[in-house]
Amino acid sequence: MNNRPGLQLARVAGFPVYLAPSWFVIAALVVVLFAPQVEVSAGLRPPQTYLVAAAYALLLLASVLVHELAHAFTARAVGLPVEQVVADLWGGHTQFSQEAPDPGRSALVAVAGPLSNAVLAGIGVLVLPGTDGEVTRLLVVAGIYANAFVAAFNLAPGLPLDGGRLVEAAVWAVSRRRWAGTLVAGWCGRVVAAGVVLWLVLLPLLDNRRPTAFGVVWAVLVAGLLWRGASGAVELGQVLRSAQRLDLGSYLEPARALPLASTGWRPAPSGGHVVALDEHGRPVGILRMQDAMRHVGGQQAPGPQTPLSAVMTVLPSVVVVPADLSGEGVLRTLATNGAHVLVAVDPTGHVVGVADAQRLAHALTGRP
């Protein structure tokens, strides 16, 4: 099964760089909107105007990739693994295998992207006096403005923008609570989303100017994207806050471990579930206490030599965790594994209990 997000452009420092199909939508929009400006500024006629506009779309793509690669290389430099870089409809994103463990590294990774665009804008300013030809000059000027805008807009103080990461890191550093930073930055992101609508739609109306249809559509799309990302951050902050109060021990049900071939699975006086271990000592199944009692009390009870493997429920995915796991450790376990059951072990590796993953998820999110 192919899970690639699009066309792989390259592999840089071990991670792939992709171009998502949705990028061609924004590229086409850039060409359509920029071509008339080329006609006015450079005196060209179609189809030359569209070729120049297409060149501008490619320059924007290069700026996006520089932005995301700046995030990626900074993350690698501070010890964070990078999975992939993707250019898509809304610009691009860099996917990491894990979150930054401290606010300092999170802030460094966040600021690297806008800083790279500021550097590109500065380079454009330096080379502009030496450019020859209306087309070249137009592309350089457009690149300067585009990179300057991307740098400034990404520093807006709200998630999911890079500036929101800086707000999150600052609150995290002061409060020593990551969830507090995520919540504050998420709510700030909602304010930024509302500000986009105010800027592009309401301000022109207050100034007795009629906003363009394109401006209204673009404002709604951008604000909607920002609002959705900010709302996701608020929800994540709430989950992180709940995780701080979560103790795995409170959700453990007693259990003992037996080999697959064992015939001693019948309910013990002390009760508890039975975890089945394969020949390597790995949990592969479970016999819940209520199921064991039903087997024993049924009209066709299994014989005394019936092995555990014949009555257990196979577990396609099992996660073994320390019995004293708590807080974000439980959250990370649930987020990175698809197991329905967590098998808890003591410091010596002996099974002491099991926890239902769905019950834990409900405790974290408040939803089944």
Protein backbone atom coordinates (compact mmCIF):
# COMPACT_ATOMS: atom_id res chain seq x y z
CA MET A 1 0.00 0.00 0.00
CA ASN A 2 1.43 3.39 -1.04
CA ASN A 3 1.17 6.02 1.70
CA ARG A 4 3.27 8.64 -0.05
CA PRO A 5 1.63 12.09 0.01
CA GLY A 6 2.64 12.87 -3.58
CA LEU A 7 5.53 12.99 -6.02
CA GLN A 8 8.91 12.53 -4.36
CA LEU A 9 11.16 15.36 -5.50
CA ALA A 10 14.30 14.34 -3.64
CA ARG A 11 15.71 12.71 -0.57
CA VAL A 12 17.63 15.13 1.62
CA ALA A 13 19.75 14.04 4.59
CA GLY A 14 17.80 10.80 4.82
CA PHE A 15 14.24 12.15 4.68
CA PRO A 16 12.02 12.44 1.56
CA VAL A 17 10.73 15.71 0.09
CA TYR A 18 7.30 15.42 -1.57
CA LEU A 19 5.17 17.56 -3.86
CA ALA A 20 1.50 16.93 -3.06
CA PRO A 21 -1.02 16.97 -5.95
CA SER A 22 -2.86 19.82 -4.22
CA TRP A 23 0.13 22.11 -4.88
CA PHE A 24 -0.84 22.27 -8.55
CA VAL A 25 -4.14 23.88 -7.53
CA ILE A 26 -2.41 26.82 -5.83
CA ALA A 27 0.14 26.99 -8.67
CA ALA A 28 -2.67 27.34 -11.22
CA LEU A 29 -4.28 30.05 -9.07
CA VAL A 30 -0.96 31.95 -8.88
CA VAL A 31 -0.56 31.77 -12.65
CA VAL A 32 -4.07 33.09 -13.30
CA LEU A 33 -3.73 35.96 -10.81
CA PHE A 34 -0.13 36.94 -11.59
CA ALA A 35 -0.35 36.83 -15.41
CA PRO A 36 -2.30 40.16 -15.73
CA GLN A 37 0.30 41.87 -13.53
CA VAL A 38 3.03 40.57 -15.82
CA GLU A 39 1.18 41.99 -18.82
CA VAL A 40 0.95 45.44 -17.21
CA SER A 41 4.44 45.56 -15.68
CA ALA A 42 6.51 43.85 -18.38
CA GLY A 43 4.44 44.67 -21.45
CA LEU A 44 4.13 41.04 -22.51
CA ARG A 45 1.19 39.31 -24.10
CA PRO A 46 -0.15 35.77 -23.66
CA PRO A 47 1.18 33.12 -23.71
CA GLN A 48 4.42 34.76 -22.49
CA THR A 49 2.59 36.24 -19.49
CA TYR A 50 1.56 32.77 -18.35
CA LEU A 51 5.06 31.40 -18.74
CA VAL A 52 6.42 34.19 -16.52
CA ALA A 53 3.62 33.61 -14.01
CA ALA A 54 4.45 29.91 -13.99
CA ALA A 55 8.09 30.79 -13.28
CA TYR A 56 6.85 32.85 -10.32
CA ALA A 57 4.85 29.85 -9.05
CA LEU A 58 8.05 27.78 -9.16
CA LEU A 59 9.91 30.51 -7.25
CA LEU A 60 7.19 30.36 -4.58
CA LEU A 61 7.59 26.58 -4.44
CA ALA A 62 11.32 27.03 -3.92
CA SER A 63 10.62 29.48 -1.08
CA VAL A 64 8.24 27.00 0.57
CA LEU A 65 10.81 24.21 0.33
CA VAL A 66 13.54 26.45 1.78
CA HIS A 67 11.17 27.31 4.65
CA GLU A 68 10.37 23.67 5.40
CA LEU A 69 13.94 22.47 4.96
CA ALA A 70 15.03 25.14 7.44
CA HIS A 71 12.62 23.57 9.95
CA ALA A 72 13.90 20.10 9.08
CA PHE A 73 17.63 20.82 9.29
CA THR A 74 17.22 22.76 12.54
CA ALA A 75 15.25 19.86 13.99
CA ARG A 76 17.98 17.43 12.96
CA ALA A 77 20.60 19.71 14.49
CA VAL A 78 18.85 19.67 17.89
CA GLY A 79 18.27 15.91 17.84
CA LEU A 80 14.71 15.62 16.55
CA PRO A 81 14.07 12.98 13.86
CA VAL A 82 12.44 14.19 10.63
CA GLU A 83 10.05 11.92 8.72
CA GLN A 84 9.25 13.97 5.63
CA VAL A 85 8.79 17.40 4.05
CA VAL A 86 5.69 18.08 1.94
CA ALA A 87 4.78 21.05 -0.28
CA ASP A 88 1.00 21.24 -0.67
CA LEU A 89 -2.01 23.48 -1.23
CA TRP A 90 -1.42 25.60 1.86
CA GLY A 91 2.33 25.93 1.48
CA GLY A 92 3.98 23.01 3.17
CA HIS A 93 4.68 21.16 6.38
CA THR A 94 7.46 19.18 8.00
CA GLN A 95 6.55 16.00 9.82
CA PHE A 96 8.61 14.88 12.82
CA SER A 97 8.76 11.48 14.49
CA GLN A 98 8.46 13.08 17.93
CA GLU A 99 7.72 16.43 19.51
CA ALA A 100 10.45 18.64 20.93
CA PRO A 101 11.09 17.60 24.55
CA ASP A 102 11.72 21.16 25.78
CA PRO A 103 10.61 24.70 24.88
CA GLY A 104 14.07 25.82 23.74
CA ARG A 105 14.32 23.29 20.95
CA SER A 106 10.69 23.80 19.96
CA ALA A 107 11.30 27.56 19.58
CA LEU A 108 14.49 27.05 17.55
CA VAL A 109 12.75 24.74 15.07
CA ALA A 110 9.79 27.12 14.78
CA VAL A 111 11.75 30.30 14.13
CA ALA A 112 14.01 28.70 11.52
CA GLY A 113 11.29 28.70 8.83
CA PRO A 114 10.32 32.41 8.91
CA LEU A 115 13.98 33.36 9.33
CA SER A 116 14.86 31.52 6.11
CA ASN A 117 12.20 33.49 4.21
CA ALA A 118 13.49 36.75 5.70
CA VAL A 119 16.96 35.81 4.45
CA LEU A 120 15.59 35.12 0.96
CA ALA A 121 13.84 38.50 0.95
CA GLY A 122 17.10 40.15 2.02
CA ILE A 123 19.02 38.41 -0.76
CA GLY A 124 16.40 39.68 -3.22
CA VAL A 125 16.88 43.23 -2.00
CA LEU A 126 20.66 42.91 -2.48
CA VAL A 127 20.47 41.54 -6.03
CA LEU A 128 17.64 43.81 -7.21
CA PRO A 129 19.86 46.79 -8.22
CA GLY A 130 21.88 44.53 -10.52
CA THR A 131 18.95 42.93 -12.34
CA ASP A 132 18.43 43.58 -16.06
CA GLY A 133 15.13 43.31 -17.91
CA GLU A 134 11.58 43.98 -16.83
CA VAL A 135 10.71 40.31 -16.41
CA THR A 136 13.69 39.51 -14.20
CA ARG A 137 13.11 42.62 -12.11
CA LEU A 138 9.42 41.80 -11.74
CA LEU A 139 10.18 38.26 -10.54
CA VAL A 140 12.78 39.47 -8.05
CA VAL A 141 10.46 42.16 -6.64
CA ALA A 142 7.59 39.69 -6.40
CA GLY A 143 9.90 37.21 -4.65
CA ILE A 144 10.97 39.86 -2.14
CA TYR A 145 7.40 40.76 -1.24
CA ALA A 146 6.26 37.14 -1.12
CA ASN A 147 9.08 36.00 1.18
CA ALA A 148 8.73 39.04 3.41
CA PHE A 149 4.99 38.41 3.73
CA VAL A 150 5.45 34.68 4.43
CA ALA A 151 8.05 35.46 7.11
CA ALA A 152 5.83 38.07 8.79
CA PHE A 153 2.58 36.09 8.51
CA ASN A 154 4.15 32.89 9.87
CA LEU A 155 5.30 34.83 12.93
CA ALA A 156 1.71 35.75 13.81
CA PRO A 157 1.33 34.63 17.45
CA GLY A 158 -1.03 31.68 17.18
CA LEU A 159 -1.02 28.00 16.30
CA PRO A 160 -0.78 26.42 13.77
CA LEU A 161 1.63 29.14 12.58
CA ASP A 162 5.29 29.20 13.56
CA GLY A 163 4.66 32.24 15.74
CA GLY A 164 2.20 30.10 17.67
CA ARG A 165 5.00 27.64 18.38
CA LEU A 166 6.99 30.51 19.83
CA VAL A 167 4.05 31.51 22.06
CA GLU A 168 3.65 27.89 23.10
CA ALA A 169 7.36 27.62 23.94
CA ALA A 170 7.33 30.87 25.94
CA VAL A 171 4.31 29.88 28.06
CA TRP A 172 5.75 26.37 28.43
CA ALA A 173 9.07 27.76 29.66
CA VAL A 174 7.46 30.11 32.19
CA SER A 175 4.77 27.77 33.50
CA ARG A 176 6.75 24.51 33.08
CA ARG A 177 3.54 23.04 31.66
CA ARG A 178 3.47 22.16 27.99
CA TRP A 179 -0.29 21.83 27.96
CA ALA A 180 -0.62 25.45 29.15
CA GLY A 181 1.51 26.67 26.25
CA THR A 182 -0.49 24.64 23.74
CA LEU A 183 -3.81 25.92 25.11
CA VAL A 184 -2.72 29.57 25.10
CA ALA A 185 -1.20 29.34 21.61
CA GLY A 186 -4.32 27.57 20.34
CA TRP A 187 -6.63 30.30 21.60
CA CYS A 188 -4.26 32.92 20.13
CA GLY A 189 -4.55 31.06 16.82
CA ARG A 190 -8.31 31.50 16.91
CA VAL A 191 -7.78 35.23 17.40
CA VAL A 192 -5.40 35.32 14.43
CA ALA A 193 -8.00 33.48 12.29
CA ALA A 194 -10.62 36.07 13.22
CA GLY A 195 -8.08 38.80 12.47
CA VAL A 196 -7.63 37.52 8.92
CA VAL A 197 -11.36 37.96 8.27
CA LEU A 198 -11.27 41.41 9.90
CA TRP A 199 -8.29 42.46 7.79
CA LEU A 200 -9.46 41.20 4.41
CA VAL A 201 -13.24 41.65 4.70
CA LEU A 202 -14.40 43.91 7.53
CA LEU A 203 -11.77 46.65 7.30
CA PRO A 204 -12.55 47.41 3.63
CA LEU A 205 -16.24 47.61 4.51
CA LEU A 206 -15.53 50.01 7.39
CA ASP A 207 -13.47 52.09 4.96
CA ASN A 208 -16.43 52.23 2.54
CA ARG A 209 -14.62 49.93 0.13
CA ARG A 210 -16.17 46.83 -1.32
CA PRO A 211 -13.98 43.75 -0.78
CA THR A 212 -13.31 41.71 -3.89
CA ALA A 213 -14.90 38.29 -4.31
CA PHE A 214 -11.43 36.77 -4.42
CA GLY A 215 -10.48 38.51 -1.17
CA VAL A 216 -13.58 37.21 0.57
CA VAL A 217 -13.04 33.63 -0.65
CA TRP A 218 -9.35 33.71 0.21
CA ALA A 219 -10.04 35.17 3.67
CA VAL A 220 -12.60 32.46 4.41
CA LEU A 221 -10.28 29.68 3.23
CA VAL A 222 -7.23 30.93 5.15
CA ALA A 223 -9.22 31.78 8.27
CA GLY A 224 -10.92 28.39 8.14
CA LEU A 225 -7.59 26.60 7.89
CA LEU A 226 -6.16 28.61 10.79
CA TRP A 227 -9.28 28.11 12.91
CA ARG A 228 -9.21 24.37 12.36
CA GLY A 229 -5.52 24.15 13.26
CA ALA A 230 -6.00 26.37 16.31
CA SER A 231 -8.99 24.34 17.49
CA GLY A 232 -6.93 21.17 17.13
CA ALA A 233 -4.24 22.76 19.30
CA VAL A 234 -6.80 23.70 21.97
CA GLU A 235 -8.11 20.13 21.98
CA LEU A 236 -4.56 18.77 22.22
CA GLY A 237 -3.82 21.10 25.13
CA GLN A 238 -6.89 19.81 26.94
CA VAL A 239 -5.79 16.21 26.36
CA LEU A 240 -2.27 17.01 27.60
CA ARG A 241 -3.77 18.61 30.71
CA SER A 242 -5.88 15.50 31.35
CA ALA A 243 -2.79 13.33 30.88
CA GLN A 244 -1.07 15.05 33.79
CA ARG A 245 -3.73 13.67 36.12
CA LEU A 246 -3.82 10.19 34.60
CA ASP A 247 -2.30 7.32 36.57
CA LEU A 248 -2.18 3.97 34.78
CA GLY A 249 -2.38 2.14 38.10
CA SER A 250 -5.90 3.45 38.64
CA TYR A 251 -7.06 1.70 35.46
CA LEU A 252 -5.22 -1.61 35.85
CA GLU A 253 -7.15 -4.84 36.32
CA PRO A 254 -5.22 -7.70 38.01
CA ALA A 255 -3.71 -10.26 35.68
CA ARG A 256 -1.22 -13.14 35.67
CA ALA A 257 0.82 -14.58 32.83
CA LEU A 258 0.85 -18.19 31.63
CA PRO A 259 2.40 -19.96 28.62
CA LEU A 260 0.16 -20.78 25.67
CA ALA A 261 0.31 -24.50 26.47
CA SER A 262 -0.60 -24.08 30.13
CA THR A 263 -3.68 -25.87 31.45
CA GLY A 264 -3.80 -23.81 34.64
CA TRP A 265 -5.88 -20.98 33.20
CA ARG A 266 -8.98 -21.69 35.27
CA PRO A 267 -10.03 -18.85 37.56
CA ALA A 268 -7.73 -18.46 40.55
CA PRO A 269 -9.11 -17.73 44.04
CA SER A 270 -7.59 -14.25 43.83
CA GLY A 271 -9.34 -13.63 40.50
CA GLY A 272 -7.81 -11.69 37.67
CA HIS A 273 -7.31 -12.09 33.93
CA VAL A 274 -4.76 -14.39 32.26
CA VAL A 275 -2.23 -13.09 29.74
CA ALA A 276 -0.96 -15.75 27.31
CA LEU A 277 2.78 -15.75 26.54
CA ASP A 278 4.40 -17.31 23.47
CA GLU A 279 7.64 -19.29 23.58
CA HIS A 280 9.62 -16.04 23.67
CA GLY A 281 7.69 -14.69 26.65
CA ARG A 282 5.74 -12.14 24.58
CA PRO A 283 2.03 -11.50 25.28
CA VAL A 284 -0.08 -12.75 22.37
CA GLY A 285 -3.53 -13.26 23.88
CA ILE A 286 -5.77 -12.74 26.88
CA LEU A 287 -8.36 -14.76 28.74
CA ARG A 288 -10.56 -12.39 30.67
CA MET A 289 -11.77 -13.59 34.03
CA GLN A 290 -15.44 -13.45 33.03
CA ASP A 291 -14.71 -15.57 29.95
CA ALA A 292 -12.80 -18.13 32.02
CA MET A 293 -15.70 -18.41 34.47
CA ARG A 294 -18.13 -18.86 31.60
CA HIS A 295 -16.00 -21.65 30.15
CA VAL A 296 -15.78 -23.45 33.49
CA GLY A 297 -19.47 -23.04 34.33
CA GLY A 298 -20.83 -23.95 30.92
CA GLN A 299 -22.54 -27.20 30.02
CA GLN A 300 -19.66 -28.14 27.72
CA ALA A 301 -16.79 -27.10 29.95
CA PRO A 302 -13.31 -27.66 28.46
CA GLY A 303 -11.46 -30.69 29.72
CA PRO A 304 -8.70 -30.43 32.36
CA GLN A 305 -6.00 -30.76 29.67
CA THR A 306 -7.32 -27.91 27.51
CA PRO A 307 -4.47 -25.46 26.86
CA LEU A 308 -4.78 -21.72 27.30
CA SER A 309 -4.34 -21.23 23.55
CA ALA A 310 -7.70 -22.93 22.95
CA VAL A 311 -9.75 -20.57 25.10
CA MET A 312 -7.90 -17.26 24.92
CA THR A 313 -8.69 -14.25 22.71
CA VAL A 314 -5.83 -13.51 20.32
CA LEU A 315 -4.44 -9.97 20.62
CA PRO A 316 -3.24 -8.76 17.19
CA SER A 317 -1.30 -5.93 18.82
CA VAL A 318 0.01 -5.83 22.37
CA VAL A 319 1.95 -3.12 24.17
CA VAL A 320 3.91 -3.89 27.32
CA VAL A 321 4.34 -0.91 29.64
CA PRO A 322 5.66 -0.30 33.16
CA ALA A 323 2.94 -0.52 35.79
CA ASP A 324 3.90 2.91 37.15
CA LEU A 325 3.46 4.66 33.77
CA SER A 326 1.56 7.93 34.05
CA GLY A 327 0.94 11.32 32.50
CA GLU A 328 2.20 11.96 28.99
CA GLY A 329 3.77 8.50 28.93
CA VAL A 330 0.30 6.95 28.73
CA LEU A 331 -0.72 9.49 26.10
CA ARG A 332 2.33 8.78 23.93
CA THR A 333 1.72 5.04 24.23
CA LEU A 334 -1.88 5.37 23.08
CA ALA A 335 -0.96 7.79 20.28
CA THR A 336 1.80 5.66 18.79
CA ASN A 337 0.28 2.18 19.12
CA GLY A 338 -2.94 0.61 17.93
CA ALA A 339 -3.20 -1.90 20.77
CA HIS A 340 -6.56 -2.46 22.46
CA VAL A 341 -4.93 -3.80 25.64
CA LEU A 342 -1.91 -2.53 27.58
CA VAL A 343 -0.07 -5.22 29.55
CA ALA A 344 1.57 -3.78 32.66
CA VAL A 345 4.70 -5.33 34.18
CA ASP A 346 6.58 -4.71 37.41
CA PRO A 347 10.30 -3.78 37.52
CA THR A 348 11.25 -7.48 37.24
CA GLY A 349 9.18 -7.93 34.06
CA HIS A 350 6.37 -9.95 35.59
CA VAL A 351 2.81 -9.24 34.39
CA VAL A 352 0.75 -7.56 37.12
CA GLY A 353 -2.27 -6.26 35.24
CA VAL A 354 -3.94 -5.15 32.03
CA ALA A 355 -5.62 -1.89 31.03
CA ASP A 356 -8.21 -1.29 28.34
CA ALA A 357 -6.90 1.26 25.81
CA GLN A 358 -10.37 2.57 24.98
CA ARG A 359 -11.07 3.27 28.64
CA LEU A 360 -7.80 5.17 28.91
CA ALA A 361 -8.57 7.16 25.75
CA HIS A 362 -11.96 8.08 27.17
CA ALA A 363 -10.31 9.29 30.38
CA LEU A 364 -7.95 11.49 28.35
CA THR A 365 -10.39 12.97 25.85
CA GLY A 366 -13.76 12.72 27.59
CA ARG A 367 -15.07 10.86 24.54
CA PRO A 368 -15.39 7.14 23.77
